[in-house]
PDB file of N, CA and C in Angstrom:
ATOM      1  N   PHE A   1      31.667 -34.657  91.190  1.00  0.00           N
ATOM      2  CA  PHE A   1      32.366 -33.533  91.772  1.00  0.00           C
ATOM      3  C   PHE A   1      32.210 -33.570  93.284  1.00  0.00           C
ATOM      4  N   ILE A   2      33.304 -33.416  93.991  1.00  0.00           N
ATOM      5  CA  ILE A   2      33.286 -33.365  95.453  1.00  0.00           C
ATOM      6  C   ILE A   2      33.786 -31.990  95.871  1.00  0.00           C
ATOM      7  N   ASN A   3      32.975 -31.279  96.631  1.00  0.00           N
ATOM      8  CA  ASN A   3      33.348 -29.944  97.091  1.00  0.00           C
ATOM      9  C   ASN A   3      34.371 -30.055  98.218  1.00  0.00           C
ATOM     10  N   LYS A   4      35.503 -29.396  98.048  1.00  0.00           N
ATOM     11  CA  LYS A   4      36.558 -29.396  99.062  1.00  0.00           C
ATOM     12  C   LYS A   4      36.924 -27.961  99.402  1.00  0.00           C
ATOM     13  N   SER A   5      37.361 -27.768 100.640  1.00  0.00           N
ATOM     14  CA  SER A   5      37.772 -26.442 101.095  1.00  0.00           C
ATOM     15  C   SER A   5      39.266 -26.445 101.410  1.00  0.00           C
ATOM     16  N   PRO A   6      39.974 -25.342 101.086  1.00  0.00           N
ATOM     17  CA  PRO A   6      41.411 -25.275 101.377  1.00  0.00           C
ATOM     18  C   PRO A   6      41.662 -24.943 102.851  1.00  0.00           C
ATOM     19  N   PHE A   7      42.709 -25.554 103.409  1.00  0.00           N
ATOM     20  CA  PHE A   7      43.124 -25.281 104.780  1.00  0.00           C
ATOM     21  C   PHE A   7      44.634 -25.120 104.808  1.00  0.00           C
ATOM     22  N   LEU A   8      45.080 -24.040 105.426  1.00  0.00           N
ATOM     23  CA  LEU A   8      46.503 -23.758 105.535  1.00  0.00           C
ATOM     24  C   LEU A   8      47.113 -24.646 106.613  1.00  0.00           C
ATOM     25  N   VAL A   9      48.168 -25.376 106.238  1.00  0.00           N
ATOM     26  CA  VAL A   9      48.826 -26.298 107.164  1.00  0.00           C
ATOM     27  C   VAL A   9      50.340 -26.180 107.050  1.00  0.00           C
ATOM     28  N   GLU A  10      51.007 -26.700 108.057  1.00  0.00           N
ATOM     29  CA  GLU A  10      52.456 -26.905 107.998  1.00  0.00           C
ATOM     30  C   GLU A  10      52.680 -28.397 108.127  1.00  0.00           C
ATOM     31  N   LEU A  11      53.317 -28.980 107.122  1.00  0.00           N
ATOM     32  CA  LEU A  11      53.667 -30.388 107.130  1.00  0.00           C
ATOM     33  C   LEU A  11      55.140 -30.507 107.485  1.00  0.00           C
ATOM     34  N   VAL A  12      55.451 -31.421 108.392  1.00  0.00           N
ATOM     35  CA  VAL A  12      56.837 -31.607 108.814  1.00  0.00           C
ATOM     36  C   VAL A  12      57.273 -33.019 108.455  1.00  0.00           C
ATOM     37  N   THR A  13      58.434 -33.103 107.805  1.00  0.00           N
ATOM     38  CA  THR A  13      59.076 -34.391 107.532  1.00  0.00           C
ATOM     39  C   THR A  13      60.445 -34.351 108.215  1.00  0.00           C
ATOM     40  N   SER A  14      61.209 -35.399 108.070  1.00  0.00           N
ATOM     41  CA  SER A  14      62.541 -35.401 108.691  1.00  0.00           C
ATOM     42  C   SER A  14      63.471 -34.386 108.034  1.00  0.00           C
ATOM     43  N   ASP A  15      63.199 -34.013 106.774  1.00  0.00           N
ATOM     44  CA  ASP A  15      64.081 -33.107 106.047  1.00  0.00           C
ATOM     45  C   ASP A  15      63.490 -31.752 105.707  1.00  0.00           C
ATOM     46  N   PHE A  16      62.149 -31.647 105.717  1.00  0.00           N
ATOM     47  CA  PHE A  16      61.510 -30.423 105.234  1.00  0.00           C
ATOM     48  C   PHE A  16      60.369 -29.952 106.133  1.00  0.00           C
ATOM     49  N   GLU A  17      60.131 -28.651 106.097  1.00  0.00           N
ATOM     50  CA  GLU A  17      58.924 -28.041 106.646  1.00  0.00           C
ATOM     51  C   GLU A  17      58.211 -27.405 105.468  1.00  0.00           C
ATOM     52  N   ILE A  18      56.974 -27.816 105.229  1.00  0.00           N
ATOM     53  CA  ILE A  18      56.216 -27.373 104.061  1.00  0.00           C
ATOM     54  C   ILE A  18      54.948 -26.691 104.533  1.00  0.00           C
ATOM     55  N   THR A  19      54.768 -25.432 104.158  1.00  0.00           N
ATOM     56  CA  THR A  19      53.551 -24.698 104.486  1.00  0.00           C
ATOM     57  C   THR A  19      52.786 -24.474 103.193  1.00  0.00           C
ATOM     58  N   GLY A  20      51.483 -24.779 103.232  1.00  0.00           N
ATOM     59  CA  GLY A  20      50.648 -24.597 102.055  1.00  0.00           C
ATOM     60  C   GLY A  20      49.232 -25.040 102.335  1.00  0.00           C
ATOM     61  N   CYS A  21      48.428 -25.113 101.296  1.00  0.00           N
ATOM     62  CA  CYS A  21      47.013 -25.475 101.441  1.00  0.00           C
ATOM     63  C   CYS A  21      46.780 -26.926 101.048  1.00  0.00           C
ATOM     64  N   ILE A  22      46.054 -27.639 101.933  1.00  0.00           N
ATOM     65  CA  ILE A  22      45.525 -28.948 101.591  1.00  0.00           C
ATOM     66  C   ILE A  22      44.017 -28.790 101.485  1.00  0.00           C
ATOM     67  N   TYR A  23      43.357 -29.766 100.919  1.00  0.00           N
ATOM     68  CA  TYR A  23      41.923 -29.639 100.652  1.00  0.00           C
ATOM     69  C   TYR A  23      41.166 -30.776 101.312  1.00  0.00           C
ATOM     70  N   LEU A  24      40.142 -30.416 102.105  1.00  0.00           N
ATOM     71  CA  LEU A  24      39.339 -31.388 102.838  1.00  0.00           C
ATOM     72  C   LEU A  24      37.864 -31.235 102.510  1.00  0.00           C
ATOM     73  N   THR A  25      37.152 -32.341 102.556  1.00  0.00           N
ATOM     74  CA  THR A  25      35.699 -32.305 102.433  1.00  0.00           C
ATOM     75  C   THR A  25      35.103 -32.221 103.829  1.00  0.00           C
ATOM     76  N   THR A  26      33.812 -31.980 103.914  1.00  0.00           N
ATOM     77  CA  THR A  26      33.165 -31.899 105.230  1.00  0.00           C
ATOM     78  C   THR A  26      33.002 -33.268 105.868  1.00  0.00           C
ATOM     79  N   VAL A  27      33.162 -34.343 105.109  1.00  0.00           N
ATOM     80  CA  VAL A  27      33.017 -35.683 105.678  1.00  0.00           C
ATOM     81  C   VAL A  27      34.357 -36.364 105.942  1.00  0.00           C
ATOM     82  N   LEU A  28      35.433 -35.772 105.528  1.00  0.00           N
ATOM     83  CA  LEU A  28      36.760 -36.358 105.707  1.00  0.00           C
ATOM     84  C   LEU A  28      37.457 -35.700 106.881  1.00  0.00           C
ATOM     85  N   GLN A  29      37.793 -36.494 107.882  1.00  0.00           N
ATOM     86  CA  GLN A  29      38.515 -35.948 109.021  1.00  0.00           C
ATOM     87  C   GLN A  29      39.998 -35.855 108.679  1.00  0.00           C
ATOM     88  N   SER A  30      40.682 -34.917 109.330  1.00  0.00           N
ATOM     89  CA  SER A  30      42.056 -34.592 108.945  1.00  0.00           C
ATOM     90  C   SER A  30      43.003 -35.778 109.006  1.00  0.00           C
ATOM     91  N   TRP A  31      42.893 -36.631 109.995  1.00  0.00           N
ATOM     92  CA  TRP A  31      43.818 -37.753 110.094  1.00  0.00           C
ATOM     93  C   TRP A  31      43.605 -38.764 108.973  1.00  0.00           C
ATOM     94  N   GLN A  32      42.409 -38.775 108.386  1.00  0.00           N
ATOM     95  CA  GLN A  32      42.116 -39.722 107.319  1.00  0.00           C
ATOM     96  C   GLN A  32      42.880 -39.408 106.037  1.00  0.00           C
ATOM     97  N   ILE A  33      43.277 -38.171 105.850  1.00  0.00           N
ATOM     98  CA  ILE A  33      44.006 -37.842 104.627  1.00  0.00           C
ATOM     99  C   ILE A  33      45.345 -38.560 104.563  1.00  0.00           C
ATOM    100  N   LEU A  34      45.911 -38.908 105.722  1.00  0.00           N
ATOM    101  CA  LEU A  34      47.183 -39.629 105.732  1.00  0.00           C
ATOM    102  C   LEU A  34      46.997 -41.130 105.545  1.00  0.00           C
ATOM    103  N   GLU A  35      45.823 -41.646 105.893  1.00  0.00           N
ATOM    104  CA  GLU A  35      45.590 -43.085 105.806  1.00  0.00           C
ATOM    105  C   GLU A  35      45.007 -43.531 104.474  1.00  0.00           C
ATOM    106  N   ASN A  36      44.300 -42.639 103.784  1.00  0.00           N
ATOM    107  CA  ASN A  36      43.639 -43.005 102.528  1.00  0.00           C
ATOM    108  C   ASN A  36      44.580 -42.878 101.335  1.00  0.00           C
ATOM    109  N   ASP A  37      44.265 -43.632 100.264  1.00  0.00           N
ATOM    110  CA  ASP A  37      44.996 -43.476  99.006  1.00  0.00           C
ATOM    111  C   ASP A  37      44.632 -42.134  98.410  1.00  0.00           C
ATOM    112  N   PRO A  38      45.432 -41.567  97.585  1.00  0.00           N
ATOM    113  CA  PRO A  38      46.724 -41.996  97.048  1.00  0.00           C
ATOM    114  C   PRO A  38      47.868 -41.760  98.035  1.00  0.00           C
ATOM    115  N   ALA A  39      49.067 -42.165  97.644  1.00  0.00           N
ATOM    116  CA  ALA A  39      50.237 -42.095  98.524  1.00  0.00           C
ATOM    117  C   ALA A  39      50.784 -40.682  98.682  1.00  0.00           C
ATOM    118  N   PHE A  40      50.372 -39.761  97.792  1.00  0.00           N
ATOM    119  CA  PHE A  40      50.896 -38.399  97.834  1.00  0.00           C
ATOM    120  C   PHE A  40      49.787 -37.411  98.182  1.00  0.00           C
ATOM    121  N   LEU A  41      50.128 -36.423  98.994  1.00  0.00           N
ATOM    122  CA  LEU A  41      49.190 -35.389  99.416  1.00  0.00           C
ATOM    123  C   LEU A  41      49.444 -34.132  98.582  1.00  0.00           C
ATOM    124  N   PRO A  42      48.438 -33.665  97.838  1.00  0.00           N
ATOM    125  CA  PRO A  42      48.635 -32.443  97.061  1.00  0.00           C
ATOM    126  C   PRO A  42      48.613 -31.209  97.963  1.00  0.00           C
ATOM    127  N   VAL A  43      49.567 -30.316  97.749  1.00  0.00           N
ATOM    128  CA  VAL A  43      49.674 -29.071  98.513  1.00  0.00           C
ATOM    129  C   VAL A  43      49.839 -27.938  97.508  1.00  0.00           C
ATOM    130  N   THR A  44      48.993 -26.916  97.609  1.00  0.00           N
ATOM    131  CA  THR A  44      49.102 -25.774  96.701  1.00  0.00           C
ATOM    132  C   THR A  44      49.729 -24.593  97.427  1.00  0.00           C
ATOM    133  N   ASP A  45      50.284 -23.667  96.654  1.00  0.00           N
ATOM    134  CA  ASP A  45      50.960 -22.473  97.193  1.00  0.00           C
ATOM    135  C   ASP A  45      51.952 -22.861  98.281  1.00  0.00           C
ATOM    136  N   ALA A  46      52.795 -23.827  97.969  1.00  0.00           N
ATOM    137  CA  ALA A  46      53.707 -24.403  98.956  1.00  0.00           C
ATOM    138  C   ALA A  46      54.969 -23.564  99.150  1.00  0.00           C
ATOM    139  N   GLU A  47      55.333 -23.412 100.414  1.00  0.00           N
ATOM    140  CA  GLU A  47      56.610 -22.824 100.812  1.00  0.00           C
ATOM    141  C   GLU A  47      57.392 -23.939 101.490  1.00  0.00           C
ATOM    142  N   ILE A  48      58.533 -24.273 100.922  1.00  0.00           N
ATOM    143  CA  ILE A  48      59.303 -25.425 101.379  1.00  0.00           C
ATOM    144  C   ILE A  48      60.626 -24.963 101.970  1.00  0.00           C
ATOM    145  N   PHE A  49      60.896 -25.416 103.192  1.00  0.00           N
ATOM    146  CA  PHE A  49      62.145 -25.095 103.872  1.00  0.00           C
ATOM    147  C   PHE A  49      62.895 -26.388 104.124  1.00  0.00           C
ATOM    148  N   SER A  50      64.141 -26.456 103.641  1.00  0.00           N
ATOM    149  CA  SER A  50      64.992 -27.615 103.884  1.00  0.00           C
ATOM    150  C   SER A  50      65.658 -27.456 105.240  1.00  0.00           C
ATOM    151  N   ILE A  51      65.329 -28.335 106.162  1.00  0.00           N
ATOM    152  CA  ILE A  51      65.876 -28.255 107.520  1.00  0.00           C
ATOM    153  C   ILE A  51      67.382 -28.469 107.509  1.00  0.00           C
ATOM    154  N   ASN A  52      67.857 -29.429 106.718  1.00  0.00           N
ATOM    155  CA  ASN A  52      69.281 -29.771 106.700  1.00  0.00           C
ATOM    156  C   ASN A  52      70.138 -28.742 105.967  1.00  0.00           C
ATOM    157  N   LYS A  53      69.642 -28.214 104.860  1.00  0.00           N
ATOM    158  CA  LYS A  53      70.436 -27.301 104.037  1.00  0.00           C
ATOM    159  C   LYS A  53      70.145 -25.836 104.299  1.00  0.00           C
ATOM    160  N   GLY A  54      69.024 -25.541 104.959  1.00  0.00           N
ATOM    161  CA  GLY A  54      68.673 -24.153 105.240  1.00  0.00           C
ATOM    162  C   GLY A  54      68.184 -23.386 104.024  1.00  0.00           C
ATOM    163  N   THR A  55      67.779 -24.103 102.977  1.00  0.00           N
ATOM    164  CA  THR A  55      67.290 -23.435 101.772  1.00  0.00           C
ATOM    165  C   THR A  55      65.769 -23.325 101.809  1.00  0.00           C
ATOM    166  N   PHE A  56      65.250 -22.369 101.043  1.00  0.00           N
ATOM    167  CA  PHE A  56      63.818 -22.082 101.034  1.00  0.00           C
ATOM    168  C   PHE A  56      63.379 -21.778  99.613  1.00  0.00           C
ATOM    169  N   TRP A  57      62.235 -22.290  99.229  1.00  0.00           N
ATOM    170  CA  TRP A  57      61.679 -21.929  97.927  1.00  0.00           C
ATOM    171  C   TRP A  57      60.163 -22.045  97.955  1.00  0.00           C
ATOM    172  N   LYS A  58      59.534 -21.390  96.982  1.00  0.00           N
ATOM    173  CA  LYS A  58      58.076 -21.410  96.828  1.00  0.00           C
ATOM    174  C   LYS A  58      57.728 -22.072  95.506  1.00  0.00           C
ATOM    175  N   VAL A  59      56.656 -22.890  95.549  1.00  0.00           N
ATOM    176  CA  VAL A  59      56.166 -23.538  94.337  1.00  0.00           C
ATOM    177  C   VAL A  59      54.632 -23.486  94.346  1.00  0.00           C
ATOM    178  N   PRO A  60      54.001 -23.445  93.172  1.00  0.00           N
ATOM    179  CA  PRO A  60      52.540 -23.404  93.143  1.00  0.00           C
ATOM    180  C   PRO A  60      51.896 -24.739  93.532  1.00  0.00           C
ATOM    181  N   PHE A  61      52.642 -25.846  93.373  1.00  0.00           N
ATOM    182  CA  PHE A  61      52.101 -27.168  93.680  1.00  0.00           C
ATOM    183  C   PHE A  61      53.228 -28.093  94.119  1.00  0.00           C
ATOM    184  N   ALA A  62      52.931 -28.893  95.150  1.00  0.00           N
ATOM    185  CA  ALA A  62      53.873 -29.933  95.582  1.00  0.00           C
ATOM    186  C   ALA A  62      53.074 -31.186  95.914  1.00  0.00           C
ATOM    187  N   ALA A  63      53.616 -32.334  95.572  1.00  0.00           N
ATOM    188  CA  ALA A  63      53.027 -33.622  95.940  1.00  0.00           C
ATOM    189  C   ALA A  63      53.925 -34.210  97.025  1.00  0.00           C
ATOM    190  N   VAL A  64      53.415 -34.281  98.245  1.00  0.00           N
ATOM    191  CA  VAL A  64      54.205 -34.711  99.393  1.00  0.00           C
ATOM    192  C   VAL A  64      53.893 -36.176  99.692  1.00  0.00           C
ATOM    193  N   ASN A  65      54.931 -36.983  99.773  1.00  0.00           N
ATOM    194  CA  ASN A  65      54.765 -38.398 100.093  1.00  0.00           C
ATOM    195  C   ASN A  65      54.259 -38.522 101.525  1.00  0.00           C
ATOM    196  N   LYS A  66      53.079 -39.100 101.694  1.00  0.00           N
ATOM    197  CA  LYS A  66      52.452 -39.206 103.017  1.00  0.00           C
ATOM    198  C   LYS A  66      53.284 -40.036 103.996  1.00  0.00           C
ATOM    199  N   ALA A  67      54.040 -40.998 103.480  1.00  0.00           N
ATOM    200  CA  ALA A  67      54.859 -41.856 104.341  1.00  0.00           C
ATOM    201  C   ALA A  67      55.954 -41.072 105.056  1.00  0.00           C
ATOM    202  N   HIS A  68      56.309 -39.900 104.544  1.00  0.00           N
ATOM    203  CA  HIS A  68      57.383 -39.105 105.133  1.00  0.00           C
ATOM    204  C   HIS A  68      56.884 -38.020 106.080  1.00  0.00           C
ATOM    205  N   ILE A  69      55.583 -37.799 106.151  1.00  0.00           N
ATOM    206  CA  ILE A  69      55.026 -36.752 107.019  1.00  0.00           C
ATOM    207  C   ILE A  69      55.047 -37.235 108.467  1.00  0.00           C
ATOM    208  N   THR A  70      55.686 -36.450 109.334  1.00  0.00           N
ATOM    209  CA  THR A  70      55.739 -36.795 110.753  1.00  0.00           C
ATOM    210  C   THR A  70      54.712 -36.017 111.568  1.00  0.00           C
ATOM    211  N   SER A  71      54.301 -34.835 111.080  1.00  0.00           N
ATOM    212  CA  SER A  71      53.255 -34.085 111.779  1.00  0.00           C
ATOM    213  C   SER A  71      52.589 -33.092 110.838  1.00  0.00           C
ATOM    214  N   ILE A  72      51.344 -32.762 111.194  1.00  0.00           N
ATOM    215  CA  ILE A  72      50.579 -31.745 110.491  1.00  0.00           C
ATOM    216  C   ILE A  72      50.138 -30.719 111.519  1.00  0.00           C
ATOM    217  N   ILE A  73      50.463 -29.471 111.252  1.00  0.00           N
ATOM    218  CA  ILE A  73      50.060 -28.368 112.136  1.00  0.00           C
ATOM    219  C   ILE A  73      49.104 -27.499 111.341  1.00  0.00           C
ATOM    220  N   TYR A  74      47.872 -27.367 111.839  1.00  0.00           N
ATOM    221  CA  TYR A  74      46.872 -26.570 111.129  1.00  0.00           C
ATOM    222  C   TYR A  74      47.039 -25.105 111.467  1.00  0.00           C
ATOM    223  N   LYS A  75      47.213 -24.300 110.433  1.00  0.00           N
ATOM    224  CA  LYS A  75      47.411 -22.861 110.588  1.00  0.00           C
ATOM    225  C   LYS A  75      46.120 -22.092 110.352  1.00  0.00           C
ATOM    226  N   SER A  76      45.077 -22.774 109.876  1.00  0.00           N
ATOM    227  CA  SER A  76      43.830 -22.114 109.503  1.00  0.00           C
ATOM    228  C   SER A  76      42.807 -22.213 110.620  1.00  0.00           C
ATOM    229  N   SER A  77      42.221 -21.088 110.990  1.00  0.00           N
ATOM    230  CA  SER A  77      41.168 -21.090 112.006  1.00  0.00           C
ATOM    231  C   SER A  77      39.874 -21.675 111.444  1.00  0.00           C
ATOM    232  N   ASP A  78      39.778 -21.800 110.117  1.00  0.00           N
ATOM    233  CA  ASP A  78      38.586 -22.364 109.496  1.00  0.00           C
ATOM    234  C   ASP A  78      38.446 -23.857 109.768  1.00  0.00           C
ATOM    235  N   LEU A  79      39.499 -24.510 110.256  1.00  0.00           N
ATOM    236  CA  LEU A  79      39.404 -25.930 110.553  1.00  0.00           C
ATOM    237  C   LEU A  79      38.375 -26.185 111.643  1.00  0.00           C
ATOM    238  N   ALA A  80      38.261 -25.289 112.596  1.00  0.00           N
ATOM    239  CA  ALA A  80      37.265 -25.447 113.657  1.00  0.00           C
ATOM    240  C   ALA A  80      35.855 -25.450 113.073  1.00  0.00           C
ATOM    241  N   LYS A  81      35.608 -24.620 112.077  1.00  0.00           N
ATOM    242  CA  LYS A  81      34.292 -24.596 111.418  1.00  0.00           C
ATOM    243  C   LYS A  81      34.014 -25.927 110.735  1.00  0.00           C
ATOM    244  N   LEU A  82      35.017 -26.480 110.049  1.00  0.00           N
ATOM    245  CA  LEU A  82      34.850 -27.753 109.366  1.00  0.00           C
ATOM    246  C   LEU A  82      34.604 -28.865 110.386  1.00  0.00           C
ATOM    247  N   THR A  83      35.362 -28.882 111.474  1.00  0.00           N
ATOM    248  CA  THR A  83      35.225 -29.899 112.490  1.00  0.00           C
ATOM    249  C   THR A  83      33.836 -29.853 113.120  1.00  0.00           C
ATOM    250  N   SER A  84      33.302 -28.669 113.348  1.00  0.00           N
ATOM    251  CA  SER A  84      31.970 -28.550 113.945  1.00  0.00           C
ATOM    252  C   SER A  84      30.904 -29.072 112.986  1.00  0.00           C
ATOM    253  N   LYS A  85      31.111 -28.944 111.683  1.00  0.00           N
ATOM    254  CA  LYS A  85      30.165 -29.481 110.699  1.00  0.00           C
ATOM    255  C   LYS A  85      30.196 -31.001 110.731  1.00  0.00           C
ATOM    256  N   ILE A  86      31.365 -31.570 110.946  1.00  0.00           N
ATOM    257  CA  ILE A  86      31.503 -33.019 110.971  1.00  0.00           C
ATOM    258  C   ILE A  86      30.773 -33.586 112.187  1.00  0.00           C
ATOM    259  N   ARG A  87      30.884 -32.936 113.325  1.00  0.00           N
ATOM    260  CA  ARG A  87      30.269 -33.420 114.564  1.00  0.00           C
ATOM    261  C   ARG A  87      28.766 -33.232 114.584  1.00  0.00           C
ATOM    262  N   ALA A  88      28.250 -32.288 113.796  1.00  0.00           N
ATOM    263  CA  ALA A  88      26.813 -31.975 113.825  1.00  0.00           C
ATOM    264  C   ALA A  88      25.965 -33.077 113.229  1.00  0.00           C
TER     265      ALA A  88
END
């Protein structure tokens, strides 16, 4: 069992903006989640906005292909707490 904490993020792809929770451990830095396997990033409580079509929907779970993510914006202030634990 690996203890992970949820962090609210906005993931941006060429077609979608996805807001939801990703899960990080205290030893995993945020950029590593895009480089490590598996190819899909699990996101819970996802709100998905289609940039091209202007549609919006909510889902309890989404698997986002990491190859399509162009940016990650952290919405959670708790990320600073996690980062300080990593540096300590």
